[in-house]
Amino acid sequence: MWFLPALITLGAWGAADLFYKKGNDPRDRYSALKTTVMVGFVMGLHAIIYYGIFEGIDYDPKNLLLYLPVSSMYILSMALGYFGLRYIEVSVSSPISNSSGAVTVVLSYFIMHQTMKALQWAAVIAILIGLFLLSLFEKWEFDQELAEAGEKIDPKYTVGPIAIIFPLLYCVIDGMGTFLDGVYLDYRKILPEDQANMSYELTFLIVAILIWLYLKFCKKETMHVFKERDKGLAALFETLGQFFYVGAMSGNALIAAPMIASYSIVSILLARVFLKERLTMKQYGAIALVMVAIAILGFYDG
């Protein structure tokens, strides 16, 4: 069964997105690197404590290299996403980034020759349309609020070639990573779920340690891990989502991928609840479209 793990992943990553918003400090030039460190530390601890100690899984270190093509795609896309928060509003970048499901669907359809029913295709297309409309509505609302306040839009937050390059890169690279994950976990069965997830989390830990050493000894930047509350919570939700993500991808990668990619909907809803922001009727309509599409995909979970 893939639908429930995909749903949990969607919720967890939506919550992580909220704390990524809160944890991003535009005054700190190393904020993105520090976020990467926190996520790597938490994922690494999860791999060691849960899989290694609690589950007692016998891990083969060579899988670090075997799974590296997938791990590198995910880690690179996430690091670019964190860095991009300095240049574009996350409410705009998140839906663009999470349209990576479209990349996965195209690659899976044309390379792995997987098939879907017509209604499933319609649901996937509806998710992508909903994400696009949501990003458009968010941008309109953002511009209108600034205009009403008599403020000029900071050039670094305008949606142009420079501003959107980071979410676009995230979209393409993450989509390629998700496609490869489908090959590893579902299509070719190259690795079992636990070995794949441990490989990813341990690789992320290695990257985090290298970045931490770089910040400490090369940039003389002190990072107080236990004081990074929002980054820490983002890392915890990110890891929770990753834990269930591999189960969803091993069950039905082609359909689970675009469904999970819609987690930006959850992050925007949480932002409205906890940050007291408001939604327009157009935004509610786009969210409803995505939710209906998710329900359709869930109906086909057999």
C-alpha atoms as a PDB file:
ATOM      1  CA  MET A   1       0.000   0.000   0.000  1.00  0.00           C
ATOM      2  CA  TRP A   2       1.457   3.304  -1.102  1.00  0.00           C
ATOM      3  CA  PHE A   3      -1.312   5.845  -0.489  1.00  0.00           C
ATOM      4  CA  LEU A   4      -1.083   6.181   3.331  1.00  0.00           C
ATOM      5  CA  PRO A   5       2.744   6.548   3.370  1.00  0.00           C
ATOM      6  CA  ALA A   6       2.433   9.119   0.576  1.00  0.00           C
ATOM      7  CA  LEU A   7      -0.194  11.004   2.583  1.00  0.00           C
ATOM      8  CA  ILE A   8       1.979  11.045   5.719  1.00  0.00           C
ATOM      9  CA  THR A   9       4.936  12.223   3.645  1.00  0.00           C
ATOM     10  CA  LEU A  10       2.818  14.994   2.168  1.00  0.00           C
ATOM     11  CA  GLY A  11       1.818  16.222   5.637  1.00  0.00           C
ATOM     12  CA  ALA A  12       5.283  15.935   7.175  1.00  0.00           C
ATOM     13  CA  TRP A  13       7.017  17.739   4.342  1.00  0.00           C
ATOM     14  CA  GLY A  14       4.336  20.399   4.351  1.00  0.00           C
ATOM     15  CA  ALA A  15       5.078  21.034   8.031  1.00  0.00           C
ATOM     16  CA  ALA A  16       8.820  21.029   7.284  1.00  0.00           C
ATOM     17  CA  ASP A  17       8.235  23.704   4.652  1.00  0.00           C
ATOM     18  CA  LEU A  18       6.564  25.887   7.271  1.00  0.00           C
ATOM     19  CA  PHE A  19       9.591  25.709   9.567  1.00  0.00           C
ATOM     20  CA  TYR A  20      11.962  26.240   6.666  1.00  0.00           C
ATOM     21  CA  LYS A  21      10.111  29.529   6.181  1.00  0.00           C
ATOM     22  CA  LYS A  22      10.483  30.467   9.835  1.00  0.00           C
ATOM     23  CA  GLY A  23      14.086  29.293  10.084  1.00  0.00           C
ATOM     24  CA  ASN A  24      15.389  31.156   7.051  1.00  0.00           C
ATOM     25  CA  ASP A  25      17.331  34.223   8.182  1.00  0.00           C
ATOM     26  CA  PRO A  26      18.015  36.624   5.284  1.00  0.00           C
ATOM     27  CA  ARG A  27      20.546  38.442   7.489  1.00  0.00           C
ATOM     28  CA  ASP A  28      22.681  35.316   7.803  1.00  0.00           C
ATOM     29  CA  ARG A  29      24.566  34.516   4.599  1.00  0.00           C
ATOM     30  CA  TYR A  30      25.170  30.983   5.876  1.00  0.00           C
ATOM     31  CA  SER A  31      21.554  30.273   6.804  1.00  0.00           C
ATOM     32  CA  ALA A  32      21.045  27.814   3.934  1.00  0.00           C
ATOM     33  CA  LEU A  33      24.194  25.889   4.814  1.00  0.00           C
ATOM     34  CA  LYS A  34      23.155  25.726   8.462  1.00  0.00           C
ATOM     35  CA  THR A  35      19.769  24.349   7.463  1.00  0.00           C
ATOM     36  CA  THR A  36      21.525  21.681   5.393  1.00  0.00           C
ATOM     37  CA  VAL A  37      23.665  20.788   8.406  1.00  0.00           C
ATOM     38  CA  MET A  38      20.632  20.441  10.695  1.00  0.00           C
ATOM     39  CA  VAL A  39      18.783  18.210   8.241  1.00  0.00           C
ATOM     40  CA  GLY A  40      21.867  16.048   7.713  1.00  0.00           C
ATOM     41  CA  PHE A  41      22.474  15.657  11.444  1.00  0.00           C
ATOM     42  CA  VAL A  42      18.884  14.632  12.182  1.00  0.00           C
ATOM     43  CA  MET A  43      18.718  12.218   9.254  1.00  0.00           C
ATOM     44  CA  GLY A  44      22.037  10.683  10.205  1.00  0.00           C
ATOM     45  CA  LEU A  45      20.948  10.187  13.809  1.00  0.00           C
ATOM     46  CA  HIS A  46      17.727   8.580  12.587  1.00  0.00           C
ATOM     47  CA  ALA A  47      19.685   6.145  10.412  1.00  0.00           C
ATOM     48  CA  ILE A  48      22.057   5.208  13.243  1.00  0.00           C
ATOM     49  CA  ILE A  49      19.552   5.032  16.114  1.00  0.00           C
ATOM     50  CA  TYR A  50      16.426   3.666  14.411  1.00  0.00           C
ATOM     51  CA  TYR A  51      17.811   1.454  11.675  1.00  0.00           C
ATOM     52  CA  GLY A  52      21.158   0.575  13.206  1.00  0.00           C
ATOM     53  CA  ILE A  53      20.326   0.174  16.909  1.00  0.00           C
ATOM     54  CA  PHE A  54      16.559  -0.252  17.253  1.00  0.00           C
ATOM     55  CA  GLU A  55      15.931  -2.322  14.111  1.00  0.00           C
ATOM     56  CA  GLY A  56      19.378  -3.900  14.106  1.00  0.00           C
ATOM     57  CA  ILE A  57      19.610  -3.781  10.318  1.00  0.00           C
ATOM     58  CA  ASP A  58      22.819  -5.133   8.833  1.00  0.00           C
ATOM     59  CA  TYR A  59      23.896  -2.280   6.560  1.00  0.00           C
ATOM     60  CA  ASP A  60      26.308  -2.758   3.684  1.00  0.00           C
ATOM     61  CA  PRO A  61      28.488   0.397   3.344  1.00  0.00           C
ATOM     62  CA  LYS A  62      28.908  -0.180  -0.397  1.00  0.00           C
ATOM     63  CA  ASN A  63      25.281   0.884  -0.761  1.00  0.00           C
ATOM     64  CA  LEU A  64      26.423   4.450  -0.046  1.00  0.00           C
ATOM     65  CA  LEU A  65      28.071   4.430  -3.477  1.00  0.00           C
ATOM     66  CA  LEU A  66      25.355   2.332  -5.116  1.00  0.00           C
ATOM     67  CA  TYR A  67      22.633   4.769  -4.056  1.00  0.00           C
ATOM     68  CA  LEU A  68      24.774   7.886  -4.518  1.00  0.00           C
ATOM     69  CA  PRO A  69      23.151   8.929  -7.836  1.00  0.00           C
ATOM     70  CA  VAL A  70      19.812   9.224  -6.028  1.00  0.00           C
ATOM     71  CA  SER A  71      21.177  10.711  -2.794  1.00  0.00           C
ATOM     72  CA  SER A  72      23.186  13.352  -4.620  1.00  0.00           C
ATOM     73  CA  MET A  73      20.142  14.514  -6.591  1.00  0.00           C
ATOM     74  CA  TYR A  74      18.038  14.930  -3.454  1.00  0.00           C
ATOM     75  CA  ILE A  75      20.714  16.623  -1.353  1.00  0.00           C
ATOM     76  CA  LEU A  76      21.720  19.019  -4.138  1.00  0.00           C
ATOM     77  CA  SER A  77      18.126  19.993  -4.875  1.00  0.00           C
ATOM     78  CA  MET A  78      17.390  20.596  -1.193  1.00  0.00           C
ATOM     79  CA  ALA A  79      20.503  22.717  -0.691  1.00  0.00           C
ATOM     80  CA  LEU A  80      19.553  24.810  -3.731  1.00  0.00           C
ATOM     81  CA  GLY A  81      16.040  25.157  -2.334  1.00  0.00           C
ATOM     82  CA  TYR A  82      17.319  26.448   1.012  1.00  0.00           C
ATOM     83  CA  PHE A  83      19.612  28.918  -0.719  1.00  0.00           C
ATOM     84  CA  GLY A  84      16.836  30.101  -3.016  1.00  0.00           C
ATOM     85  CA  LEU A  85      14.750  31.265  -0.060  1.00  0.00           C
ATOM     86  CA  ARG A  86      17.011  34.336   0.029  1.00  0.00           C
ATOM     87  CA  TYR A  87      15.911  35.408  -3.445  1.00  0.00           C
ATOM     88  CA  ILE A  88      12.226  34.577  -3.830  1.00  0.00           C
ATOM     89  CA  GLU A  89       9.184  34.287  -1.599  1.00  0.00           C
ATOM     90  CA  VAL A  90       8.745  30.673  -0.520  1.00  0.00           C
ATOM     91  CA  SER A  91       5.010  30.825  -1.213  1.00  0.00           C
ATOM     92  CA  VAL A  92       5.947  31.287  -4.855  1.00  0.00           C
ATOM     93  CA  SER A  93       9.007  29.056  -4.998  1.00  0.00           C
ATOM     94  CA  SER A  94       7.447  26.079  -3.192  1.00  0.00           C
ATOM     95  CA  PRO A  95       4.755  25.284  -5.781  1.00  0.00           C
ATOM     96  CA  ILE A  96       7.279  25.737  -8.590  1.00  0.00           C
ATOM     97  CA  SER A  97       9.769  23.447  -6.877  1.00  0.00           C
ATOM     98  CA  ASN A  98       7.183  20.818  -6.111  1.00  0.00           C
ATOM     99  CA  SER A  99       6.094  20.591  -9.723  1.00  0.00           C
ATOM    100  CA  SER A 100       8.993  18.142  -9.956  1.00  0.00           C
ATOM    101  CA  GLY A 101       6.339  15.437 -10.084  1.00  0.00           C
ATOM    102  CA  ALA A 102       5.784  16.398 -13.711  1.00  0.00           C
ATOM    103  CA  VAL A 103       9.438  15.661 -14.481  1.00  0.00           C
ATOM    104  CA  THR A 104       9.113  12.269 -12.801  1.00  0.00           C
ATOM    105  CA  VAL A 105       5.930  11.370 -14.668  1.00  0.00           C
ATOM    106  CA  VAL A 106       7.441  12.263 -18.047  1.00  0.00           C
ATOM    107  CA  LEU A 107      10.633  10.298 -17.383  1.00  0.00           C
ATOM    108  CA  SER A 108       8.729   7.295 -15.985  1.00  0.00           C
ATOM    109  CA  TYR A 109       6.273   7.229 -18.876  1.00  0.00           C
ATOM    110  CA  PHE A 110       8.788   7.530 -21.693  1.00  0.00           C
ATOM    111  CA  ILE A 111      11.739   5.619 -20.223  1.00  0.00           C
ATOM    112  CA  MET A 112      10.163   2.936 -18.006  1.00  0.00           C
ATOM    113  CA  HIS A 113       6.997   2.709 -20.142  1.00  0.00           C
ATOM    114  CA  GLN A 114       4.724   2.695 -17.122  1.00  0.00           C
ATOM    115  CA  THR A 115       1.025   3.235 -17.729  1.00  0.00           C
ATOM    116  CA  MET A 116      -1.844   4.918 -15.916  1.00  0.00           C
ATOM    117  CA  LYS A 117      -5.592   4.995 -16.345  1.00  0.00           C
ATOM    118  CA  ALA A 118      -7.142   8.052 -17.961  1.00  0.00           C
ATOM    119  CA  LEU A 119      -8.606   9.277 -14.658  1.00  0.00           C
ATOM    120  CA  GLN A 120      -5.217   8.931 -12.986  1.00  0.00           C
ATOM    121  CA  TRP A 121      -3.615  11.000 -15.725  1.00  0.00           C
ATOM    122  CA  ALA A 122      -6.361  13.584 -15.210  1.00  0.00           C
ATOM    123  CA  ALA A 123      -5.620  13.652 -11.473  1.00  0.00           C
ATOM    124  CA  VAL A 124      -1.888  14.136 -12.055  1.00  0.00           C
ATOM    125  CA  ILE A 125      -2.567  16.943 -14.530  1.00  0.00           C
ATOM    126  CA  ALA A 126      -5.005  18.523 -12.064  1.00  0.00           C
ATOM    127  CA  ILE A 127      -2.298  18.521  -9.366  1.00  0.00           C
ATOM    128  CA  LEU A 128       0.165  20.244 -11.677  1.00  0.00           C
ATOM    129  CA  ILE A 129      -2.433  22.794 -12.804  1.00  0.00           C
ATOM    130  CA  GLY A 130      -3.396  23.450  -9.182  1.00  0.00           C
ATOM    131  CA  LEU A 131       0.223  24.050  -8.206  1.00  0.00           C
ATOM    132  CA  PHE A 132       0.751  26.413 -11.125  1.00  0.00           C
ATOM    133  CA  LEU A 133      -2.413  28.380 -10.358  1.00  0.00           C
ATOM    134  CA  LEU A 134      -1.500  28.573  -6.694  1.00  0.00           C
ATOM    135  CA  SER A 135       1.927  30.018  -7.461  1.00  0.00           C
ATOM    136  CA  LEU A 136       0.275  32.546  -9.790  1.00  0.00           C
ATOM    137  CA  PHE A 137      -2.342  33.572  -7.214  1.00  0.00           C
ATOM    138  CA  GLU A 138       0.292  33.833  -4.490  1.00  0.00           C
ATOM    139  CA  LYS A 139       2.359  36.148  -6.649  1.00  0.00           C
ATOM    140  CA  TRP A 140      -0.657  38.359  -7.474  1.00  0.00           C
ATOM    141  CA  GLU A 141      -1.582  38.617  -3.790  1.00  0.00           C
ATOM    142  CA  PHE A 142       1.997  39.415  -2.796  1.00  0.00           C
ATOM    143  CA  ASP A 143       2.229  42.207  -5.385  1.00  0.00           C
ATOM    144  CA  GLN A 144      -1.174  43.609  -4.401  1.00  0.00           C
ATOM    145  CA  GLU A 145      -0.306  43.735  -0.712  1.00  0.00           C
ATOM    146  CA  LEU A 146       2.898  45.627  -1.457  1.00  0.00           C
ATOM    147  CA  ALA A 147       1.089  48.018  -3.783  1.00  0.00           C
ATOM    148  CA  GLU A 148      -1.581  48.747  -1.158  1.00  0.00           C
ATOM    149  CA  ALA A 149       1.146  49.450   1.386  1.00  0.00           C
ATOM    150  CA  GLY A 150       2.817  51.839  -1.052  1.00  0.00           C
ATOM    151  CA  GLU A 151       5.980  49.761  -1.173  1.00  0.00           C
ATOM    152  CA  LYS A 152       8.115  48.896  -4.148  1.00  0.00           C
ATOM    153  CA  ILE A 153       8.879  45.265  -4.780  1.00  0.00           C
ATOM    154  CA  ASP A 154      12.432  44.359  -3.915  1.00  0.00           C
ATOM    155  CA  PRO A 155      14.081  43.290  -7.200  1.00  0.00           C
ATOM    156  CA  LYS A 156      15.414  40.107  -5.592  1.00  0.00           C
ATOM    157  CA  TYR A 157      11.822  38.957  -4.946  1.00  0.00           C
ATOM    158  CA  THR A 158      10.519  39.512  -8.464  1.00  0.00           C
ATOM    159  CA  VAL A 159       9.676  36.467 -10.528  1.00  0.00           C
ATOM    160  CA  GLY A 160      12.277  36.706 -13.266  1.00  0.00           C
ATOM    161  CA  PRO A 161      15.029  34.524 -14.741  1.00  0.00           C
ATOM    162  CA  ILE A 162      17.348  35.115 -11.781  1.00  0.00           C
ATOM    163  CA  ALA A 163      14.718  34.824  -9.048  1.00  0.00           C
ATOM    164  CA  ILE A 164      13.123  31.587 -10.237  1.00  0.00           C
ATOM    165  CA  ILE A 165      16.304  29.756 -11.222  1.00  0.00           C
ATOM    166  CA  PHE A 166      16.618  28.089  -7.808  1.00  0.00           C
ATOM    167  CA  PRO A 167      13.100  26.602  -7.618  1.00  0.00           C
ATOM    168  CA  LEU A 168      13.377  25.598 -11.281  1.00  0.00           C
ATOM    169  CA  LEU A 169      16.680  23.841 -10.626  1.00  0.00           C
ATOM    170  CA  TYR A 170      15.109  22.182  -7.586  1.00  0.00           C
ATOM    171  CA  CYS A 171      12.178  21.057  -9.736  1.00  0.00           C
ATOM    172  CA  VAL A 172      14.343  19.434 -12.407  1.00  0.00           C
ATOM    173  CA  ILE A 173      16.982  17.895 -10.119  1.00  0.00           C
ATOM    174  CA  ASP A 174      14.465  16.609  -7.560  1.00  0.00           C
ATOM    175  CA  GLY A 175      12.314  15.206 -10.361  1.00  0.00           C
ATOM    176  CA  MET A 176      15.308  13.311 -11.727  1.00  0.00           C
ATOM    177  CA  GLY A 177      16.077  12.030  -8.235  1.00  0.00           C
ATOM    178  CA  THR A 178      12.515  10.841  -7.769  1.00  0.00           C
ATOM    179  CA  PHE A 179      12.606   9.097 -11.136  1.00  0.00           C
ATOM    180  CA  LEU A 180      15.831   7.313 -10.162  1.00  0.00           C
ATOM    181  CA  ASP A 181      14.248   6.382  -6.831  1.00  0.00           C
ATOM    182  CA  GLY A 182      11.420   4.738  -8.721  1.00  0.00           C
ATOM    183  CA  VAL A 183      13.985   2.743 -10.699  1.00  0.00           C
ATOM    184  CA  TYR A 184      15.876   1.701  -7.547  1.00  0.00           C
ATOM    185  CA  LEU A 185      12.862   0.891  -5.354  1.00  0.00           C
ATOM    186  CA  ASP A 186      10.030  -0.074  -7.679  1.00  0.00           C
ATOM    187  CA  TYR A 187      11.060  -0.791 -11.263  1.00  0.00           C
ATOM    188  CA  ARG A 188      14.398  -2.589 -10.919  1.00  0.00           C
ATOM    189  CA  LYS A 189      14.276  -3.397  -7.196  1.00  0.00           C
ATOM    190  CA  ILE A 190      17.983  -2.553  -6.929  1.00  0.00           C
ATOM    191  CA  LEU A 191      17.836  -1.901  -3.195  1.00  0.00           C
ATOM    192  CA  PRO A 192      15.329  -2.669  -0.433  1.00  0.00           C
ATOM    193  CA  GLU A 193      13.657   0.324   1.207  1.00  0.00           C
ATOM    194  CA  ASP A 194      15.661   0.274   4.453  1.00  0.00           C
ATOM    195  CA  GLN A 195      19.039   0.049   2.690  1.00  0.00           C
ATOM    196  CA  ALA A 196      18.071   2.897   0.338  1.00  0.00           C
ATOM    197  CA  ASN A 197      16.865   5.175   3.117  1.00  0.00           C
ATOM    198  CA  MET A 198      19.891   4.452   5.294  1.00  0.00           C
ATOM    199  CA  SER A 199      22.172   5.219   2.351  1.00  0.00           C
ATOM    200  CA  TYR A 200      20.471   8.543   1.741  1.00  0.00           C
ATOM    201  CA  GLU A 201      20.440   9.584   5.391  1.00  0.00           C
ATOM    202  CA  LEU A 202      24.047   8.552   6.024  1.00  0.00           C
ATOM    203  CA  THR A 203      25.171  10.383   2.877  1.00  0.00           C
ATOM    204  CA  PHE A 204      23.317  13.469   4.112  1.00  0.00           C
ATOM    205  CA  LEU A 205      25.106  13.108   7.472  1.00  0.00           C
ATOM    206  CA  ILE A 206      28.493  13.016   5.741  1.00  0.00           C
ATOM    207  CA  VAL A 207      27.608  16.133   3.762  1.00  0.00           C
ATOM    208  CA  ALA A 208      26.418  17.871   6.966  1.00  0.00           C
ATOM    209  CA  ILE A 209      29.669  17.082   8.769  1.00  0.00           C
ATOM    210  CA  LEU A 210      31.737  18.415   5.855  1.00  0.00           C
ATOM    211  CA  ILE A 211      29.697  21.632   5.736  1.00  0.00           C
ATOM    212  CA  TRP A 212      29.935  22.051   9.521  1.00  0.00           C
ATOM    213  CA  LEU A 213      33.713  21.664   9.354  1.00  0.00           C
ATOM    214  CA  TYR A 214      33.834  24.170   6.495  1.00  0.00           C
ATOM    215  CA  LEU A 215      31.826  26.735   8.463  1.00  0.00           C
ATOM    216  CA  LYS A 216      33.821  26.240  11.653  1.00  0.00           C
ATOM    217  CA  PHE A 217      37.379  26.145  10.338  1.00  0.00           C
ATOM    218  CA  CYS A 218      37.236  27.967   7.001  1.00  0.00           C
ATOM    219  CA  LYS A 219      34.622  30.638   7.701  1.00  0.00           C
ATOM    220  CA  LYS A 220      35.087  30.812  11.495  1.00  0.00           C
ATOM    221  CA  GLU A 221      31.312  30.651  11.793  1.00  0.00           C
ATOM    222  CA  THR A 222      29.905  29.288  15.050  1.00  0.00           C
ATOM    223  CA  MET A 223      26.733  27.235  14.747  1.00  0.00           C
ATOM    224  CA  HIS A 224      24.747  26.557  17.921  1.00  0.00           C
ATOM    225  CA  VAL A 225      22.864  23.404  16.937  1.00  0.00           C
ATOM    226  CA  PHE A 226      20.530  23.329  19.943  1.00  0.00           C
ATOM    227  CA  LYS A 227      19.525  26.964  19.456  1.00  0.00           C
ATOM    228  CA  GLU A 228      18.365  26.406  15.882  1.00  0.00           C
ATOM    229  CA  ARG A 229      14.795  25.542  16.934  1.00  0.00           C
ATOM    230  CA  ASP A 230      12.986  26.177  13.654  1.00  0.00           C
ATOM    231  CA  LYS A 231      15.691  24.552  11.566  1.00  0.00           C
ATOM    232  CA  GLY A 232      15.638  21.591  13.943  1.00  0.00           C
ATOM    233  CA  LEU A 233      11.877  21.142  13.672  1.00  0.00           C
ATOM    234  CA  ALA A 234      12.122  21.415   9.898  1.00  0.00           C
ATOM    235  CA  ALA A 235      14.766  18.683   9.952  1.00  0.00           C
ATOM    236  CA  LEU A 236      12.597  16.425  12.135  1.00  0.00           C
ATOM    237  CA  PHE A 237       9.584  16.733   9.832  1.00  0.00           C
ATOM    238  CA  GLU A 238      11.822  16.307   6.787  1.00  0.00           C
ATOM    239  CA  THR A 239      13.173  13.062   8.217  1.00  0.00           C
ATOM    240  CA  LEU A 240       9.695  11.811   9.152  1.00  0.00           C
ATOM    241  CA  GLY A 241       8.529  12.432   5.613  1.00  0.00           C
ATOM    242  CA  GLN A 242      11.581  10.706   4.165  1.00  0.00           C
ATOM    243  CA  PHE A 243      10.906   7.631   6.313  1.00  0.00           C
ATOM    244  CA  PHE A 244       7.460   7.138   4.773  1.00  0.00           C
ATOM    245  CA  TYR A 245       8.476   8.402   1.348  1.00  0.00           C
ATOM    246  CA  VAL A 246      10.483   5.296   0.455  1.00  0.00           C
ATOM    247  CA  GLY A 247       7.450   3.126   1.226  1.00  0.00           C
ATOM    248  CA  ALA A 248       5.267   5.180  -1.067  1.00  0.00           C
ATOM    249  CA  MET A 249       7.839   5.159  -3.881  1.00  0.00           C
ATOM    250  CA  SER A 250       8.438   1.412  -3.645  1.00  0.00           C
ATOM    251  CA  GLY A 251       4.700   0.812  -3.933  1.00  0.00           C
ATOM    252  CA  ASN A 252       3.751   3.010  -6.882  1.00  0.00           C
ATOM    253  CA  ALA A 253       6.395   5.543  -7.878  1.00  0.00           C
ATOM    254  CA  LEU A 254       4.644   6.928 -10.960  1.00  0.00           C
ATOM    255  CA  ILE A 255       1.493   8.055  -9.130  1.00  0.00           C
ATOM    256  CA  ALA A 256       2.922   8.688  -5.659  1.00  0.00           C
ATOM    257  CA  ALA A 257       5.505  11.179  -6.948  1.00  0.00           C
ATOM    258  CA  PRO A 258       3.126  13.921  -8.183  1.00  0.00           C
ATOM    259  CA  MET A 259       0.879  13.394  -5.169  1.00  0.00           C
ATOM    260  CA  ILE A 260       3.759  13.928  -2.731  1.00  0.00           C
ATOM    261  CA  ALA A 261       4.910  16.912  -4.778  1.00  0.00           C
ATOM    262  CA  SER A 262       1.721  18.720  -3.751  1.00  0.00           C
ATOM    263  CA  TYR A 263       2.888  19.098  -0.140  1.00  0.00           C
ATOM    264  CA  SER A 264       3.311  22.828  -0.735  1.00  0.00           C
ATOM    265  CA  ILE A 265      -0.474  22.981  -0.338  1.00  0.00           C
ATOM    266  CA  VAL A 266      -0.097  21.785   3.254  1.00  0.00           C
ATOM    267  CA  SER A 267       2.678  24.265   4.006  1.00  0.00           C
ATOM    268  CA  ILE A 268       0.582  27.172   2.743  1.00  0.00           C
ATOM    269  CA  LEU A 269      -2.429  26.063   4.787  1.00  0.00           C
ATOM    270  CA  LEU A 270      -0.253  25.747   7.913  1.00  0.00           C
ATOM    271  CA  ALA A 271       1.177  29.192   7.270  1.00  0.00           C
ATOM    272  CA  ARG A 272      -2.339  30.603   7.174  1.00  0.00           C
ATOM    273  CA  VAL A 273      -3.227  28.900  10.484  1.00  0.00           C
ATOM    274  CA  PHE A 274      -0.051  29.513  12.520  1.00  0.00           C
ATOM    275  CA  LEU A 275       1.173  32.705  10.906  1.00  0.00           C
ATOM    276  CA  LYS A 276      -2.341  34.168  10.710  1.00  0.00           C
ATOM    277  CA  GLU A 277      -2.140  34.715   6.976  1.00  0.00           C
ATOM    278  CA  ARG A 278      -5.259  34.600   4.822  1.00  0.00           C
ATOM    279  CA  LEU A 279      -6.362  32.788   1.672  1.00  0.00           C
ATOM    280  CA  THR A 280      -8.336  34.163  -1.242  1.00  0.00           C
ATOM    281  CA  MET A 281     -11.201  32.258  -2.840  1.00  0.00           C
ATOM    282  CA  LYS A 282      -8.993  31.604  -5.864  1.00  0.00           C
ATOM    283  CA  GLN A 283      -6.391  30.001  -3.623  1.00  0.00           C
ATOM    284  CA  TYR A 284      -9.038  27.867  -1.933  1.00  0.00           C
ATOM    285  CA  GLY A 285     -10.175  26.782  -5.397  1.00  0.00           C
ATOM    286  CA  ALA A 286      -6.649  25.729  -6.407  1.00  0.00           C
ATOM    287  CA  ILE A 287      -6.225  23.814  -3.142  1.00  0.00           C
ATOM    288  CA  ALA A 288      -9.586  22.091  -3.614  1.00  0.00           C
ATOM    289  CA  LEU A 289      -8.541  21.028  -7.113  1.00  0.00           C
ATOM    290  CA  VAL A 290      -5.388  19.392  -5.774  1.00  0.00           C
ATOM    291  CA  MET A 291      -7.219  17.717  -2.888  1.00  0.00           C
ATOM    292  CA  VAL A 292      -9.788  16.194  -5.234  1.00  0.00           C
ATOM    293  CA  ALA A 293      -6.965  14.924  -7.439  1.00  0.00           C
ATOM    294  CA  ILE A 294      -5.276  13.338  -4.408  1.00  0.00           C
ATOM    295  CA  ALA A 295      -8.563  11.621  -3.489  1.00  0.00           C
ATOM    296  CA  ILE A 296      -8.756  10.187  -7.006  1.00  0.00           C
ATOM    297  CA  LEU A 297      -5.244   8.805  -6.759  1.00  0.00           C
ATOM    298  CA  GLY A 298      -6.099   7.309  -3.376  1.00  0.00           C
ATOM    299  CA  PHE A 299      -9.128   5.571  -4.898  1.00  0.00           C
ATOM    300  CA  TYR A 300      -6.824   3.641  -7.202  1.00  0.00           C
ATOM    301  CA  ASP A 301      -4.572   2.464  -4.357  1.00  0.00           C
ATOM    302  CA  GLY A 302      -5.047  -1.242  -4.555  1.00  0.00           C
END
